[in-house]
Amino acid sequence: NSAYNGAGVFISSGTVTMTSSSIHGNTAGYIGGGVYGQGGTVTLSSCIINGNTAFQGGGVAVYGGTVAISSNSIISGNRCPNYRGGGVFVNGGTVAIVSSSIYGNTVMDYGPNVYVLEAQLHLGNDPH
């Protein structure tokens, strides 16, 4: 799939929960190759986000919203060949990453795996 924003999934001011899903091979001309959330809430649980491309946020991008990545989700192999946030890009929102893996993403500029700008970042590991 291809789109200007959110080529795989586009969320605007809503709430979306994805469980045991795979988002792969999407290309966004600007932001959010795999998943783009604008002012909404995105929850990824046991998901695989890989092989997506965008100018910013190759895998997952959130502007002014909330994203929760948990339960052994994997975000890898995403690309931002021109800018930043290969795996996850968050601007002005909140991101929580718990018991998940973000690795092997590439960028030209900053934040190959996670790039957070004027946002809150929560990292954790669920012992259960």
C-alpha atoms as a PDB file:
ATOM      1  CA  ASN A   1       0.000   0.000   0.000  1.00  0.00           C
ATOM      2  CA  SER A   2       1.058   3.592  -0.478  1.00  0.00           C
ATOM      3  CA  ALA A   3      -0.293   6.901   0.814  1.00  0.00           C
ATOM      4  CA  TYR A   4       0.931  10.332   1.839  1.00  0.00           C
ATOM      5  CA  ASN A   5       0.356   9.545   5.566  1.00  0.00           C
ATOM      6  CA  GLY A   6      -0.412   6.245   7.283  1.00  0.00           C
ATOM      7  CA  ALA A   7       0.007   3.880   4.377  1.00  0.00           C
ATOM      8  CA  GLY A   8      -0.836   0.773   6.431  1.00  0.00           C
ATOM      9  CA  VAL A   9      -3.216   2.223   9.048  1.00  0.00           C
ATOM     10  CA  PHE A  10      -4.347   5.860   9.502  1.00  0.00           C
ATOM     11  CA  ILE A  11      -6.012   6.883  12.790  1.00  0.00           C
ATOM     12  CA  SER A  12      -7.385  10.395  13.304  1.00  0.00           C
ATOM     13  CA  SER A  13      -8.741  11.318  16.746  1.00  0.00           C
ATOM     14  CA  GLY A  14     -10.014   7.828  17.413  1.00  0.00           C
ATOM     15  CA  THR A  15      -9.045   4.749  19.358  1.00  0.00           C
ATOM     16  CA  VAL A  16      -7.642   1.650  17.669  1.00  0.00           C
ATOM     17  CA  THR A  17      -6.428  -1.566  19.292  1.00  0.00           C
ATOM     18  CA  MET A  18      -4.545  -4.082  17.166  1.00  0.00           C
ATOM     19  CA  THR A  19      -3.777  -7.529  18.547  1.00  0.00           C
ATOM     20  CA  SER A  20      -1.672 -10.244  16.906  1.00  0.00           C
ATOM     21  CA  SER A  21      -1.523  -8.265  13.673  1.00  0.00           C
ATOM     22  CA  SER A  22       1.178  -7.791  11.050  1.00  0.00           C
ATOM     23  CA  ILE A  23       1.678  -4.572   9.093  1.00  0.00           C
ATOM     24  CA  HIS A  24       4.269  -5.004   6.375  1.00  0.00           C
ATOM     25  CA  GLY A  25       5.489  -3.469   3.117  1.00  0.00           C
ATOM     26  CA  ASN A  26       3.729  -0.082   3.152  1.00  0.00           C
ATOM     27  CA  THR A  27       5.163   3.216   1.897  1.00  0.00           C
ATOM     28  CA  ALA A  28       4.101   6.694   3.066  1.00  0.00           C
ATOM     29  CA  GLY A  29       5.296   9.752   1.186  1.00  0.00           C
ATOM     30  CA  TYR A  30       5.523  11.722   4.413  1.00  0.00           C
ATOM     31  CA  ILE A  31       4.775  10.083   7.776  1.00  0.00           C
ATOM     32  CA  GLY A  32       3.766   6.715   9.218  1.00  0.00           C
ATOM     33  CA  GLY A  33       4.672   4.018   6.736  1.00  0.00           C
ATOM     34  CA  GLY A  34       3.060   1.278   8.824  1.00  0.00           C
ATOM     35  CA  VAL A  35       0.809   3.073  11.338  1.00  0.00           C
ATOM     36  CA  TYR A  36      -0.012   6.786  11.725  1.00  0.00           C
ATOM     37  CA  GLY A  37      -1.986   8.173  14.648  1.00  0.00           C
ATOM     38  CA  GLN A  38      -3.022  11.823  14.729  1.00  0.00           C
ATOM     39  CA  GLY A  39      -4.504  12.901  18.042  1.00  0.00           C
ATOM     40  CA  GLY A  40      -5.879   9.459  18.803  1.00  0.00           C
ATOM     41  CA  THR A  41      -4.937   6.387  20.778  1.00  0.00           C
ATOM     42  CA  VAL A  42      -3.163   3.435  19.194  1.00  0.00           C
ATOM     43  CA  THR A  43      -2.550   0.185  21.068  1.00  0.00           C
ATOM     44  CA  LEU A  44      -0.347  -2.500  19.496  1.00  0.00           C
ATOM     45  CA  SER A  45      -0.328  -5.808  21.355  1.00  0.00           C
ATOM     46  CA  SER A  46       1.625  -8.820  20.030  1.00  0.00           C
ATOM     47  CA  CYS A  47       2.013  -7.087  16.657  1.00  0.00           C
ATOM     48  CA  ILE A  48       4.746  -7.169  14.029  1.00  0.00           C
ATOM     49  CA  ILE A  49       5.456  -3.927  12.176  1.00  0.00           C
ATOM     50  CA  ASN A  50       8.211  -4.421   9.606  1.00  0.00           C
ATOM     51  CA  GLY A  51       9.355  -3.547   6.117  1.00  0.00           C
ATOM     52  CA  ASN A  52       7.577  -0.166   5.988  1.00  0.00           C
ATOM     53  CA  THR A  53       9.016   3.108   4.654  1.00  0.00           C
ATOM     54  CA  ALA A  54       8.276   6.822   5.239  1.00  0.00           C
ATOM     55  CA  PHE A  55       9.974  10.226   5.411  1.00  0.00           C
ATOM     56  CA  GLN A  56       9.335  10.160   9.204  1.00  0.00           C
ATOM     57  CA  GLY A  57       8.153   7.242  11.308  1.00  0.00           C
ATOM     58  CA  GLY A  58       8.810   4.327   9.007  1.00  0.00           C
ATOM     59  CA  GLY A  59       7.091   1.823  11.304  1.00  0.00           C
ATOM     60  CA  VAL A  60       4.834   3.842  13.644  1.00  0.00           C
ATOM     61  CA  ALA A  61       4.270   7.610  13.860  1.00  0.00           C
ATOM     62  CA  VAL A  62       2.125   9.524  16.352  1.00  0.00           C
ATOM     63  CA  TYR A  63       1.399  13.269  16.376  1.00  0.00           C
ATOM     64  CA  GLY A  64      -0.235  14.570  19.543  1.00  0.00           C
ATOM     65  CA  GLY A  65      -1.702  11.226  20.478  1.00  0.00           C
ATOM     66  CA  THR A  66      -0.928   8.159  22.535  1.00  0.00           C
ATOM     67  CA  VAL A  67       0.648   4.883  21.480  1.00  0.00           C
ATOM     68  CA  ALA A  68       1.115   1.766  23.614  1.00  0.00           C
ATOM     69  CA  ILE A  69       3.353  -0.994  22.250  1.00  0.00           C
ATOM     70  CA  SER A  70       3.248  -4.150  24.372  1.00  0.00           C
ATOM     71  CA  SER A  71       3.104  -7.926  24.712  1.00  0.00           C
ATOM     72  CA  ASN A  72       6.130  -8.906  22.674  1.00  0.00           C
ATOM     73  CA  SER A  73       5.393  -6.638  19.725  1.00  0.00           C
ATOM     74  CA  ILE A  74       8.245  -6.338  17.231  1.00  0.00           C
ATOM     75  CA  ILE A  75       9.069  -3.232  15.216  1.00  0.00           C
ATOM     76  CA  SER A  76      12.002  -3.924  12.902  1.00  0.00           C
ATOM     77  CA  GLY A  77      13.278  -3.500   9.376  1.00  0.00           C
ATOM     78  CA  ASN A  78      11.474  -0.195   8.777  1.00  0.00           C
ATOM     79  CA  ARG A  79      13.142   2.685   6.936  1.00  0.00           C
ATOM     80  CA  CYS A  80      13.276   6.461   6.770  1.00  0.00           C
ATOM     81  CA  PRO A  81      15.762   7.015   3.964  1.00  0.00           C
ATOM     82  CA  ASN A  82      15.423  10.819   4.155  1.00  0.00           C
ATOM     83  CA  TYR A  83      14.822  11.819   7.782  1.00  0.00           C
ATOM     84  CA  ARG A  84      14.150  10.398  11.295  1.00  0.00           C
ATOM     85  CA  GLY A  85      12.314   7.838  13.407  1.00  0.00           C
ATOM     86  CA  GLY A  86      12.838   4.588  11.529  1.00  0.00           C
ATOM     87  CA  GLY A  87      10.952   2.377  13.981  1.00  0.00           C
ATOM     88  CA  VAL A  88       8.821   4.766  16.068  1.00  0.00           C
ATOM     89  CA  PHE A  89       8.411   8.555  15.735  1.00  0.00           C
ATOM     90  CA  VAL A  90       6.407  10.488  18.364  1.00  0.00           C
ATOM     91  CA  ASN A  91       5.804  14.235  18.291  1.00  0.00           C
ATOM     92  CA  GLY A  92       3.853  15.892  21.096  1.00  0.00           C
ATOM     93  CA  GLY A  93       2.214  12.787  22.484  1.00  0.00           C
ATOM     94  CA  THR A  94       2.891   9.868  24.756  1.00  0.00           C
ATOM     95  CA  VAL A  95       4.441   6.509  23.942  1.00  0.00           C
ATOM     96  CA  ALA A  96       4.710   3.486  26.239  1.00  0.00           C
ATOM     97  CA  ILE A  97       6.861   0.558  25.163  1.00  0.00           C
ATOM     98  CA  VAL A  98       6.529  -2.497  27.415  1.00  0.00           C
ATOM     99  CA  SER A  99       7.920  -6.004  26.879  1.00  0.00           C
ATOM    100  CA  SER A 100       8.531  -5.399  23.175  1.00  0.00           C
ATOM    101  CA  SER A 101      11.466  -5.198  20.760  1.00  0.00           C
ATOM    102  CA  ILE A 102      12.385  -2.315  18.474  1.00  0.00           C
ATOM    103  CA  TYR A 103      15.530  -2.971  16.459  1.00  0.00           C
ATOM    104  CA  GLY A 104      17.119  -3.023  13.017  1.00  0.00           C
ATOM    105  CA  ASN A 105      15.356   0.071  11.687  1.00  0.00           C
ATOM    106  CA  THR A 106      17.283   2.585   9.551  1.00  0.00           C
ATOM    107  CA  VAL A 107      17.270   6.356   9.015  1.00  0.00           C
ATOM    108  CA  MET A 108      19.308   9.003   7.282  1.00  0.00           C
ATOM    109  CA  ASP A 109      19.132  11.442  10.201  1.00  0.00           C
ATOM    110  CA  TYR A 110      18.229  10.729  13.873  1.00  0.00           C
ATOM    111  CA  GLY A 111      16.592   7.923  15.817  1.00  0.00           C
ATOM    112  CA  PRO A 112      16.895   4.728  13.827  1.00  0.00           C
ATOM    113  CA  ASN A 113      14.705   2.858  16.307  1.00  0.00           C
ATOM    114  CA  VAL A 114      12.846   5.474  18.412  1.00  0.00           C
ATOM    115  CA  TYR A 115      12.677   9.254  17.976  1.00  0.00           C
ATOM    116  CA  VAL A 116      10.691  11.307  20.526  1.00  0.00           C
ATOM    117  CA  LEU A 117      10.138  15.052  20.105  1.00  0.00           C
ATOM    118  CA  GLU A 118       8.373  17.082  22.825  1.00  0.00           C
ATOM    119  CA  ALA A 119       6.610  13.956  24.046  1.00  0.00           C
ATOM    120  CA  GLN A 120       6.590  11.556  26.978  1.00  0.00           C
ATOM    121  CA  LEU A 121       8.355   8.216  26.660  1.00  0.00           C
ATOM    122  CA  HIS A 122       7.694   5.338  29.083  1.00  0.00           C
ATOM    123  CA  LEU A 123       9.818   2.176  28.862  1.00  0.00           C
ATOM    124  CA  GLY A 124       9.236  -0.965  30.853  1.00  0.00           C
ATOM    125  CA  ASN A 125       9.360  -4.705  31.110  1.00  0.00           C
ATOM    126  CA  ASP A 126       6.352  -6.656  32.350  1.00  0.00           C
ATOM    127  CA  PRO A 127       7.649  -9.420  34.634  1.00  0.00           C
ATOM    128  CA  HIS A 128       4.605 -11.654  33.947  1.00  0.00           C
END
